[in-house]
Amino acid sequence: MEKRFVSVVARCSQNDFESASSGVKGFNVDGSIVVGAATSTEGKYILSVSENGYGKRSLFEDYRLTKRGTKGVNTIHITEKTGNLISVRAVNGDEDAMIVTDSGIIIRITVESIGVYSRNTQGVKLINVGDQEKVSKVAIVDHEEEKDEIIEEYDTKSVDNAKS
């Protein structure tokens, strides 16, 4: 049986879970797969990335507050073009995202450069993937300024003369 992905996010109050003395149903997945969990204390945006390289940021406030056991609300518009949802992460916008494909290609982009869109939109292309390639992982890392590499050139003749 093929695993089914959906593109929903459930936003619940912490109080809904604190009052329970035993485990509670937090999210109704209806046979789907949970690809991520995040809290609003981890960032002010939700970063959603699909397997065909589409992604976007959405504000946490765009997701209505629900009770535990909910089915959630759409977070990214899933089509054949975008592919299934692969990652949902909380971000502030000052980090970098490392996007990894199943063929081992990795790109690093600033989260700030990823557009902010409403919940049920497909987002923009973050990485180009081949026909037989899919995004497999997304990691959020501290932002690192690009450093210009200085390549020193030297005169090989003067080095050869120094050896003589």
Protein backbone atom coordinates (compact mmCIF):
# COMPACT_ATOMS: atom_id res chain seq x y z
CA MET A 1 0.00 0.00 0.00
CA GLU A 2 1.39 3.41 -0.97
CA LYS A 3 1.90 5.83 1.91
CA ARG A 4 -0.26 8.92 1.62
CA PHE A 5 1.01 12.41 2.30
CA VAL A 6 -1.24 15.34 3.05
CA SER A 7 -0.35 18.95 3.55
CA VAL A 8 -1.99 19.98 6.79
CA VAL A 9 -0.82 21.68 9.96
CA ALA A 10 -2.61 21.47 13.31
CA ARG A 11 -2.18 24.46 15.60
CA CYS A 12 -3.26 23.66 19.17
CA SER A 13 -2.93 25.26 22.56
CA GLN A 14 -0.42 23.70 24.95
CA ASN A 15 -3.17 23.72 27.61
CA ASP A 16 -5.08 21.09 25.60
CA PHE A 17 -2.31 18.61 26.37
CA GLU A 18 -1.26 19.60 29.89
CA SER A 19 -4.58 18.65 31.51
CA ALA A 20 -4.42 15.02 30.37
CA SER A 21 -3.06 12.46 32.84
CA SER A 22 -2.32 9.94 30.10
CA GLY A 23 -1.54 10.09 26.39
CA VAL A 24 -3.96 12.02 24.19
CA LYS A 25 -4.62 12.10 20.48
CA GLY A 26 -2.94 15.25 19.25
CA PHE A 27 -3.55 15.03 15.52
CA ASN A 28 -5.85 12.89 13.36
CA VAL A 29 -3.69 11.60 10.48
CA ASP A 30 -6.30 9.36 8.79
CA GLY A 31 -3.62 6.96 7.53
CA SER A 32 -1.28 9.72 6.34
CA ILE A 33 2.29 10.38 7.46
CA VAL A 34 3.43 13.13 9.84
CA VAL A 35 6.48 14.83 8.27
CA GLY A 36 7.23 17.38 10.96
CA ALA A 37 6.24 19.04 14.20
CA ALA A 38 6.98 22.56 15.39
CA THR A 39 5.94 25.06 18.03
CA SER A 40 5.43 28.78 17.70
CA THR A 41 8.21 29.28 20.28
CA GLU A 42 10.70 27.87 17.72
CA GLY A 43 10.01 30.56 15.12
CA LYS A 44 7.44 32.92 13.66
CA TYR A 45 7.09 31.13 10.31
CA ILE A 46 6.30 27.63 9.09
CA LEU A 47 8.68 26.55 6.30
CA SER A 48 6.98 23.99 4.03
CA VAL A 49 8.96 22.12 1.34
CA SER A 50 7.61 19.62 -1.20
CA GLU A 51 9.39 16.67 -2.80
CA ASN A 52 9.62 18.37 -6.21
CA GLY A 53 11.51 21.34 -4.75
CA TYR A 54 8.71 23.84 -4.06
CA GLY A 55 8.59 25.71 -0.78
CA LYS A 56 7.42 28.76 1.10
CA ARG A 57 7.20 30.44 4.47
CA SER A 58 3.82 31.10 6.11
CA LEU A 59 3.14 33.02 9.31
CA PHE A 60 2.07 30.92 12.31
CA GLU A 61 -0.90 33.28 12.71
CA ASP A 62 -2.22 32.08 9.31
CA TYR A 63 -3.14 28.76 10.96
CA ARG A 64 -6.32 28.83 13.02
CA LEU A 65 -6.16 27.55 16.60
CA THR A 66 -7.79 24.11 16.84
CA LYS A 67 -8.43 21.50 19.53
CA ARG A 68 -6.47 18.27 19.91
CA GLY A 69 -7.53 15.42 17.63
CA THR A 70 -8.05 17.81 14.70
CA LYS A 71 -7.39 17.02 11.06
CA GLY A 72 -5.55 20.33 10.66
CA VAL A 73 -5.61 22.95 7.91
CA ASN A 74 -3.83 22.96 4.53
CA THR A 75 -0.29 24.32 4.58
CA ILE A 76 0.79 23.90 0.94
CA HIS A 77 -1.22 23.27 -2.21
CA ILE A 78 -0.22 19.76 -3.33
CA THR A 79 -0.33 19.01 -7.06
CA GLU A 80 1.49 16.66 -9.40
CA LYS A 81 3.83 19.58 -10.13
CA THR A 82 4.79 20.19 -6.48
CA GLY A 83 4.75 16.60 -5.28
CA ASN A 84 4.05 15.54 -1.70
CA LEU A 85 4.93 17.58 1.37
CA ILE A 86 8.35 16.49 2.64
CA SER A 87 9.17 18.93 5.46
CA VAL A 88 7.45 21.33 7.85
CA ARG A 89 9.78 23.33 10.10
CA ALA A 90 9.50 26.38 12.36
CA VAL A 91 11.87 29.18 11.35
CA ASN A 92 12.51 32.83 12.19
CA GLY A 93 13.94 33.79 8.82
CA ASP A 94 17.51 34.45 9.93
CA GLU A 95 18.66 30.84 9.37
CA ASP A 96 19.79 28.87 6.33
CA ALA A 97 18.01 25.85 4.88
CA MET A 98 19.99 22.92 3.55
CA ILE A 99 17.90 21.00 1.03
CA VAL A 100 19.02 17.47 0.19
CA THR A 101 17.84 15.32 -2.72
CA ASP A 102 17.72 11.53 -2.82
CA SER A 103 20.60 11.60 -5.33
CA GLY A 104 22.84 13.42 -2.83
CA ILE A 105 22.67 16.99 -4.18
CA ILE A 106 22.70 19.58 -1.38
CA ILE A 107 22.00 23.29 -1.65
CA ARG A 108 22.15 25.90 1.09
CA ILE A 109 19.85 28.91 0.83
CA THR A 110 18.98 31.69 3.26
CA VAL A 111 15.49 31.23 4.70
CA GLU A 112 15.02 34.99 4.41
CA SER A 113 15.16 34.62 0.60
CA ILE A 114 12.18 32.22 0.62
CA GLY A 115 8.94 34.09 0.01
CA VAL A 116 6.16 34.45 2.58
CA TYR A 117 2.86 33.20 1.16
CA SER A 118 -0.56 32.34 2.54
CA ARG A 119 -1.31 28.83 3.77
CA ASN A 120 -2.89 27.09 0.79
CA THR A 121 -0.50 28.14 -2.00
CA GLN A 122 2.16 26.04 -3.70
CA GLY A 123 5.11 28.33 -3.02
CA VAL A 124 8.09 28.85 -5.31
CA LYS A 125 10.77 26.58 -6.75
CA LEU A 126 13.61 26.31 -4.21
CA ILE A 127 15.67 23.61 -5.93
CA ASN A 128 15.59 22.08 -9.39
CA VAL A 129 15.22 18.32 -9.27
CA GLY A 130 15.45 15.84 -12.13
CA ASP A 131 12.60 13.66 -13.37
CA GLN A 132 13.71 10.70 -11.24
CA GLU A 133 14.91 12.85 -8.31
CA LYS A 134 13.07 14.05 -5.19
CA VAL A 135 13.85 16.24 -2.18
CA SER A 136 14.44 13.88 0.73
CA LYS A 137 15.47 16.09 3.69
CA VAL A 138 15.51 19.71 4.81
CA ALA A 139 17.78 20.85 7.64
CA ILE A 140 17.70 24.27 9.27
CA VAL A 141 21.15 25.57 10.25
CA ASP A 142 22.59 28.82 11.56
CA HIS A 143 23.12 31.44 8.87
CA GLU A 144 26.66 31.69 7.63
CA GLU A 145 27.93 34.68 5.68
CA GLU A 146 29.53 33.79 2.38
CA LYS A 147 33.27 34.16 2.46
CA ASP A 148 35.13 35.15 -0.64
CA GLU A 149 37.88 32.67 -1.33
CA ILE A 150 41.19 34.25 -2.14
CA ILE A 151 43.22 32.19 -4.50
CA GLU A 152 46.80 33.27 -4.56
CA GLU A 153 48.58 32.91 -7.83
CA TYR A 154 52.32 32.76 -7.95
CA ASP A 155 54.91 32.74 -10.63
CA THR A 156 56.08 29.14 -11.09
CA LYS A 157 59.33 30.33 -12.70
CA SER A 158 60.40 32.23 -9.60
CA VAL A 159 59.64 29.15 -7.45
CA ASP A 160 61.68 26.95 -9.81
CA ASN A 161 64.57 29.47 -9.72
CA ALA A 162 64.50 29.53 -5.92
CA LYS A 163 64.93 25.73 -5.84
CA SER A 164 68.09 25.93 -8.01
